[in-house]
């Protein structure tokens, strides 16, 4: 994620620090930060966003680092920009209703040249003694998807490019060390990479043992040629590949989506046969592609942070990948 080659294999997500789906107490949040710092290989890298809890994740991260007396230059923070904290004037926040628990603020989207600068400065204010030196635009795919017609799409595309102009100026001035993009719909990453020299890109729900379209794998190669490093996130299809009924953040069942469950049953059988865990396989699948250098993993459990880190060094036998291909569970070139 940094322009240097020393990107850790695991990037620590911070959505749980912003009360995503559950409100953790401040002691548990501090323990999450502590577990990441103590178990990281080298300088820990945290991935956060102004959208996470309307800035609460950034505040909680800073509080956890301060409690540990972590020096500002001993940590890297990535802030995904595009949402600004504003006063809460309704009973519940107006963005992503039901996802964020017991927030004291609201957030509004502002993707534009000035809006992104405002998000950048506000993020650093929320971080206090710390600052983000790695920045990106948060979910530009969702911003484009909300367009009302072709003219609106054109305007929104320009808004995104204007926002990147602001980020490039921050990079040129030495205020940030790298700029990137994160999206679930990776075609938007394709569009942006045609206009902006990115340092890194974060894919979500796009390169997993279950989901790996040919067009996505072509984009990986394109980014590799541009020198763009790729961080992979949501590698479990939002928990489905580990046994949950949520597939890419939507609830499904055997009745409504039989193909997904049949695939998972075969996948679990193969994992058992080769004595590997589904979690290890999902993480290591990413590293079959040389362009992917890191995985973003989030946890709401301090105990799970250490086991998450061990996934990055798990070894999966070549025979397992061949068996996955023979069973038509994956469609990639293993040569």
Protein backbone atom coordinates (compact mmCIF):
# COMPACT_ATOMS: atom_id res chain seq x y z
CA UNK A 1 0.00 0.00 0.00
CA UNK A 2 3.01 2.16 0.52
CA UNK A 3 5.10 3.05 -2.50
CA UNK A 4 7.91 1.05 -0.95
CA UNK A 5 8.17 -2.70 -1.39
CA UNK A 6 7.87 -3.42 2.33
CA UNK A 7 4.10 -3.82 2.51
CA UNK A 8 3.15 -6.26 5.27
CA UNK A 9 1.35 -9.38 4.09
CA UNK A 10 -1.52 -8.57 6.46
CA UNK A 11 -3.19 -5.16 6.67
CA UNK A 12 -5.36 -4.61 9.75
CA UNK A 13 -8.92 -3.49 9.03
CA UNK A 14 -10.60 -1.19 11.57
CA UNK A 15 -14.33 -1.31 10.79
CA UNK A 16 -15.00 -2.99 14.15
CA UNK A 17 -13.47 0.06 15.89
CA UNK A 18 -16.33 2.07 14.34
CA UNK A 19 -19.06 -0.18 15.84
CA UNK A 20 -19.86 -2.17 12.70
CA UNK A 21 -22.78 -4.49 13.62
CA UNK A 22 -21.68 -4.58 17.27
CA UNK A 23 -20.59 -1.95 19.79
CA UNK A 24 -17.29 -2.94 21.39
CA UNK A 25 -16.24 -1.25 24.63
CA UNK A 26 -13.13 0.93 24.59
CA UNK A 27 -11.05 -1.69 26.47
CA UNK A 28 -11.75 -4.31 23.76
CA UNK A 29 -10.96 -1.79 21.02
CA UNK A 30 -7.63 -1.03 22.69
CA UNK A 31 -6.92 -4.77 22.92
CA UNK A 32 -7.59 -5.13 19.17
CA UNK A 33 -5.09 -2.38 18.42
CA UNK A 34 -2.61 -3.92 20.88
CA UNK A 35 -2.91 -7.38 19.32
CA UNK A 36 -2.25 -5.93 15.87
CA UNK A 37 0.77 -3.93 17.03
CA UNK A 38 2.31 -6.77 19.04
CA UNK A 39 1.84 -9.46 16.39
CA UNK A 40 2.69 -7.50 13.26
CA UNK A 41 5.85 -8.24 11.30
CA UNK A 42 7.58 -4.86 11.25
CA UNK A 43 5.61 -1.61 11.20
CA UNK A 44 1.86 -2.33 11.51
CA UNK A 45 -0.42 -0.97 8.79
CA UNK A 46 -4.01 -0.08 9.72
CA UNK A 47 -6.69 0.46 7.08
CA UNK A 48 -9.40 2.88 8.21
CA UNK A 49 -11.96 5.32 6.80
CA UNK A 50 -13.95 8.39 7.75
CA UNK A 51 -17.04 6.35 6.91
CA UNK A 52 -16.34 3.75 9.60
CA UNK A 53 -18.61 4.83 12.42
CA UNK A 54 -18.61 8.42 11.05
CA UNK A 55 -15.00 8.86 12.16
CA UNK A 56 -15.27 6.76 15.33
CA UNK A 57 -12.86 4.12 13.98
CA UNK A 58 -10.18 6.77 13.41
CA UNK A 59 -10.67 8.14 16.94
CA UNK A 60 -10.64 4.66 18.49
CA UNK A 61 -7.51 3.68 16.56
CA UNK A 62 -5.71 6.82 17.77
CA UNK A 63 -6.85 6.18 21.37
CA UNK A 64 -5.57 2.58 21.22
CA UNK A 65 -2.20 3.63 19.80
CA UNK A 66 -1.85 6.41 22.37
CA UNK A 67 -2.67 4.01 25.24
CA UNK A 68 0.17 1.78 24.01
CA UNK A 69 2.49 4.81 23.67
CA UNK A 70 3.12 3.92 20.00
CA UNK A 71 5.25 6.63 18.39
CA UNK A 72 3.62 8.27 15.33
CA UNK A 73 6.47 7.08 13.09
CA UNK A 74 6.11 3.48 14.32
CA UNK A 75 2.74 2.93 12.64
CA UNK A 76 1.25 3.40 9.16
CA UNK A 77 -2.37 4.47 8.72
CA UNK A 78 -4.36 4.30 5.50
CA UNK A 79 -7.46 6.50 5.40
CA UNK A 80 -10.10 5.92 2.74
CA UNK A 81 -11.59 9.35 1.98
CA UNK A 82 -14.99 10.43 0.71
CA UNK A 83 -17.18 10.65 3.82
CA UNK A 84 -17.20 13.57 6.27
CA UNK A 85 -18.38 13.56 9.88
CA UNK A 86 -21.36 15.87 10.47
CA UNK A 87 -23.69 16.39 13.47
CA UNK A 88 -26.30 13.69 14.06
CA UNK A 89 -29.72 15.33 13.69
CA UNK A 90 -31.86 12.19 13.26
CA UNK A 91 -32.49 9.23 15.63
CA UNK A 92 -30.16 7.02 13.50
CA UNK A 93 -27.31 7.91 11.14
CA UNK A 94 -28.49 8.44 7.55
CA UNK A 95 -25.71 6.37 5.91
CA UNK A 96 -25.87 2.56 5.83
CA UNK A 97 -28.84 2.25 8.22
CA UNK A 98 -28.60 -0.65 10.64
CA UNK A 99 -24.88 -1.31 10.02
CA UNK A 100 -23.34 1.03 12.59
CA UNK A 101 -24.33 0.79 16.26
CA UNK A 102 -24.83 3.64 18.73
CA UNK A 103 -23.04 6.42 16.83
CA UNK A 104 -22.89 9.98 18.12
CA UNK A 105 -22.33 11.52 14.66
CA UNK A 106 -23.58 11.20 11.09
CA UNK A 107 -21.54 11.14 7.86
CA UNK A 108 -22.16 12.61 4.41
CA UNK A 109 -20.46 11.73 1.15
CA UNK A 110 -18.33 14.39 -0.51
CA UNK A 111 -16.34 13.23 -3.53
CA UNK A 112 -14.89 16.31 -5.21
CA UNK A 113 -11.59 18.20 -5.26
CA UNK A 114 -12.34 20.25 -2.14
CA UNK A 115 -14.41 17.51 -0.50
CA UNK A 116 -11.50 15.06 -0.51
CA UNK A 117 -9.13 17.67 0.93
CA UNK A 118 -11.71 18.35 3.67
CA UNK A 119 -11.95 14.59 4.40
CA UNK A 120 -8.15 14.31 4.53
CA UNK A 121 -7.76 17.18 7.01
CA UNK A 122 -10.72 16.03 9.14
CA UNK A 123 -9.29 12.49 9.26
CA UNK A 124 -5.97 13.76 10.60
CA UNK A 125 -7.80 15.89 13.20
CA UNK A 126 -9.63 12.75 14.40
CA UNK A 127 -6.31 10.87 14.54
CA UNK A 128 -4.80 13.50 16.85
CA UNK A 129 -1.10 12.72 17.32
CA UNK A 130 -1.16 10.37 14.32
CA UNK A 131 -1.77 10.97 10.63
CA UNK A 132 -2.64 9.06 7.51
CA UNK A 133 0.15 8.96 4.94
CA UNK A 134 -1.69 6.49 2.71
CA UNK A 135 -4.93 7.77 1.14
CA UNK A 136 -7.58 6.71 -1.34
CA UNK A 137 -11.14 7.37 -2.47
CA UNK A 138 -13.67 5.19 -0.62
CA UNK A 139 -16.09 3.15 -2.74
CA UNK A 140 -16.07 5.20 -5.97
CA UNK A 141 -18.02 2.29 -7.49
CA UNK A 142 -20.97 2.99 -5.16
CA UNK A 143 -20.75 6.71 -5.98
CA UNK A 144 -21.07 5.94 -9.71
CA UNK A 145 -23.81 3.35 -9.14
CA UNK A 146 -25.98 6.04 -7.53
CA UNK A 147 -26.06 8.10 -10.76
CA UNK A 148 -29.53 8.95 -12.06
CA UNK A 149 -28.72 9.05 -15.80
CA UNK A 150 -25.87 9.20 -18.32
CA UNK A 151 -25.25 12.91 -17.71
CA UNK A 152 -25.00 12.25 -13.97
CA UNK A 153 -22.55 9.37 -14.56
CA UNK A 154 -20.36 11.73 -16.61
CA UNK A 155 -20.45 14.36 -13.84
CA UNK A 156 -19.67 11.79 -11.13
CA UNK A 157 -16.73 10.39 -13.11
CA UNK A 158 -15.34 13.92 -13.30
CA UNK A 159 -15.91 14.36 -9.54
CA UNK A 160 -13.81 11.24 -8.94
CA UNK A 161 -11.01 12.44 -11.23
CA UNK A 162 -11.09 15.87 -9.52
CA UNK A 163 -10.80 14.12 -6.15
CA UNK A 164 -7.73 12.25 -7.41
CA UNK A 165 -6.25 15.55 -8.56
CA UNK A 166 -6.35 16.60 -4.91
CA UNK A 167 -4.72 13.34 -3.81
CA UNK A 168 -1.98 13.63 -6.44
CA UNK A 169 -1.23 17.15 -5.20
CA UNK A 170 -0.90 15.82 -1.64
CA UNK A 171 1.47 13.12 -2.91
CA UNK A 172 3.52 15.59 -4.99
CA UNK A 173 3.83 17.89 -1.95
CA UNK A 174 5.13 14.99 0.17
CA UNK A 175 2.16 15.16 2.57
CA UNK A 176 1.22 11.55 1.76
CA UNK A 177 3.46 8.77 0.50
CA UNK A 178 0.98 6.87 -1.65
CA UNK A 179 -2.49 7.04 -3.18
CA UNK A 180 -4.82 4.22 -4.11
CA UNK A 181 -8.37 3.05 -4.65
CA UNK A 182 -10.66 0.46 -3.10
CA UNK A 183 -13.81 -0.99 -4.67
CA UNK A 184 -16.05 -4.05 -4.91
CA UNK A 185 -16.85 -3.33 -8.59
CA UNK A 186 -13.32 -3.49 -9.94
CA UNK A 187 -14.33 -2.05 -13.33
CA UNK A 188 -14.17 1.34 -11.56
CA UNK A 189 -10.55 0.59 -10.59
CA UNK A 190 -9.94 -0.13 -14.29
CA UNK A 191 -11.40 3.28 -15.24
CA UNK A 192 -9.42 5.18 -12.60
CA UNK A 193 -6.14 3.44 -13.49
CA UNK A 194 -6.53 4.73 -17.07
CA UNK A 195 -6.39 8.32 -15.76
CA UNK A 196 -4.38 8.22 -12.52
CA UNK A 197 -0.97 6.74 -11.66
CA UNK A 198 -2.03 4.75 -8.62
CA UNK A 199 0.40 3.27 -6.12
CA UNK A 200 -1.97 0.55 -4.95
CA UNK A 201 -5.49 -0.82 -5.36
CA UNK A 202 -7.68 -2.73 -2.92
CA UNK A 203 -10.06 -5.32 -4.36
CA UNK A 204 -13.09 -6.46 -2.32
CA UNK A 205 -15.14 -9.65 -2.90
CA UNK A 206 -13.41 -10.01 -6.28
CA UNK A 207 -10.50 -12.48 -5.94
CA UNK A 208 -11.55 -15.44 -3.82
CA UNK A 209 -11.58 -19.20 -4.51
CA UNK A 210 -15.27 -18.79 -5.40
CA UNK A 211 -15.14 -15.43 -7.24
CA UNK A 212 -12.43 -14.71 -9.81
CA UNK A 213 -13.78 -13.48 -13.14
CA UNK A 214 -11.48 -13.52 -16.15
CA UNK A 215 -11.90 -9.74 -16.50
CA UNK A 216 -10.73 -9.26 -12.88
CA UNK A 217 -7.64 -11.40 -13.47
CA UNK A 218 -6.88 -9.36 -16.63
CA UNK A 219 -7.12 -6.18 -14.55
CA UNK A 220 -4.62 -7.65 -12.07
CA UNK A 221 -2.14 -8.11 -14.92
CA UNK A 222 -2.77 -4.56 -16.21
CA UNK A 223 -2.16 -3.07 -12.76
CA UNK A 224 0.97 -5.19 -12.37
CA UNK A 225 2.38 -3.72 -15.59
CA UNK A 226 1.63 -0.22 -14.24
CA UNK A 227 3.55 -1.00 -11.05
CA UNK A 228 0.36 -0.89 -8.96
CA UNK A 229 0.41 -3.17 -5.92
CA UNK A 230 -2.85 -4.95 -5.07
CA UNK A 231 -4.28 -5.56 -1.61
CA UNK A 232 -7.05 -8.16 -1.48
CA UNK A 233 -9.96 -7.85 0.96
CA UNK A 234 -13.21 -9.72 1.72
CA UNK A 235 -11.32 -12.91 0.78
CA UNK A 236 -13.97 -15.11 2.45
CA UNK A 237 -16.85 -13.63 0.37
CA UNK A 238 -17.84 -11.83 3.59
CA UNK A 239 -17.75 -15.02 5.66
CA UNK A 240 -19.63 -17.40 3.37
CA UNK A 241 -16.57 -19.51 2.53
CA UNK A 242 -15.99 -20.01 6.27
CA UNK A 243 -19.53 -21.24 6.94
CA UNK A 244 -21.78 -18.19 7.41
CA UNK A 245 -25.01 -17.56 5.49
CA UNK A 246 -23.81 -14.12 4.38
CA UNK A 247 -22.50 -14.06 0.82
CA UNK A 248 -20.88 -10.74 -0.13
CA UNK A 249 -22.85 -9.02 2.66
CA UNK A 250 -26.25 -10.48 1.63
CA UNK A 251 -28.03 -13.31 3.44
CA UNK A 252 -28.63 -16.42 1.29
CA UNK A 253 -29.96 -19.95 1.85
CA UNK A 254 -29.69 -23.39 0.26
CA UNK A 255 -33.17 -22.87 -1.20
CA UNK A 256 -32.44 -19.49 -2.82
CA UNK A 257 -28.81 -20.11 -3.86
CA UNK A 258 -28.20 -23.88 -4.22
CA UNK A 259 -25.14 -23.48 -6.49
CA UNK A 260 -23.18 -21.50 -3.89
CA UNK A 261 -23.88 -24.07 -1.16
CA UNK A 262 -23.04 -27.02 -3.44
CA UNK A 263 -19.71 -25.34 -4.28
CA UNK A 264 -19.00 -24.80 -0.58
CA UNK A 265 -19.80 -28.43 0.31
CA UNK A 266 -17.29 -29.68 -2.31
CA UNK A 267 -14.75 -27.08 -1.14
CA UNK A 268 -15.06 -28.18 2.49
CA UNK A 269 -14.66 -31.83 1.51
CA UNK A 270 -11.42 -31.07 -0.35
CA UNK A 271 -10.09 -28.97 2.53
CA UNK A 272 -10.74 -31.89 4.88
CA UNK A 273 -9.11 -34.38 2.51
CA UNK A 274 -5.90 -32.28 2.29
CA UNK A 275 -5.96 -31.22 5.98
CA UNK A 276 -6.04 -27.49 5.23
CA UNK A 277 -8.48 -24.96 6.65
CA UNK A 278 -10.87 -22.95 4.43
CA UNK A 279 -9.44 -19.73 5.93
CA UNK A 280 -5.87 -20.70 5.00
CA UNK A 281 -6.98 -21.57 1.48
CA UNK A 282 -8.85 -18.28 0.99
CA UNK A 283 -5.85 -16.22 2.08
CA UNK A 284 -3.29 -18.25 0.16
CA UNK A 285 -5.42 -18.22 -3.02
CA UNK A 286 -4.67 -14.49 -3.24
CA UNK A 287 -0.93 -15.15 -3.28
CA UNK A 288 -1.25 -17.37 -6.36
CA UNK A 289 -1.33 -14.02 -8.21
CA UNK A 290 1.99 -12.16 -8.08
CA UNK A 291 0.28 -8.76 -8.30
CA UNK A 292 -1.42 -9.34 -4.92
CA UNK A 293 1.06 -8.48 -2.18
CA UNK A 294 -1.17 -8.17 0.88
CA UNK A 295 -4.47 -9.18 2.48
CA UNK A 296 -6.73 -6.89 4.52
CA UNK A 297 -8.32 -8.76 7.44
CA UNK A 298 -10.65 -7.36 10.10
CA UNK A 299 -11.65 -8.88 13.41
CA UNK A 300 -13.77 -7.92 16.38
CA UNK A 301 -11.91 -10.44 18.55
CA UNK A 302 -8.42 -9.60 19.89
CA UNK A 303 -7.68 -13.36 20.18
CA UNK A 304 -8.35 -13.87 16.48
CA UNK A 305 -5.87 -11.21 15.35
CA UNK A 306 -2.86 -13.47 15.96
CA UNK A 307 -4.43 -16.44 14.14
CA UNK A 308 -5.33 -14.13 11.23
CA UNK A 309 -1.67 -13.19 10.88
CA UNK A 310 -0.64 -16.87 10.77
CA UNK A 311 -2.89 -17.37 7.70
CA UNK A 312 -0.38 -15.34 5.68
CA UNK A 313 2.32 -17.96 6.14
CA UNK A 314 0.19 -21.09 5.78
CA UNK A 315 1.38 -23.59 3.16
CA UNK A 316 -1.10 -25.16 0.76
CA UNK A 317 0.14 -28.13 -1.30
CA UNK A 318 0.16 -27.72 -5.09
CA UNK A 319 -1.90 -30.92 -5.30
CA UNK A 320 -4.75 -29.15 -3.49
CA UNK A 321 -4.98 -26.40 -6.13
CA UNK A 322 -4.88 -29.03 -8.88
CA UNK A 323 -7.72 -30.92 -7.16
CA UNK A 324 -9.72 -27.67 -6.93
CA UNK A 325 -9.23 -27.21 -10.67
CA UNK A 326 -10.08 -30.85 -11.46
CA UNK A 327 -13.34 -30.46 -9.51
CA UNK A 328 -14.14 -27.26 -11.46
CA UNK A 329 -14.08 -25.27 -8.23
CA UNK A 330 -11.51 -22.79 -9.55
CA UNK A 331 -10.78 -21.57 -13.06
CA UNK A 332 -7.21 -20.28 -13.17
CA UNK A 333 -3.97 -21.16 -14.93
CA UNK A 334 -1.81 -23.08 -12.47
CA UNK A 335 1.24 -23.12 -14.75
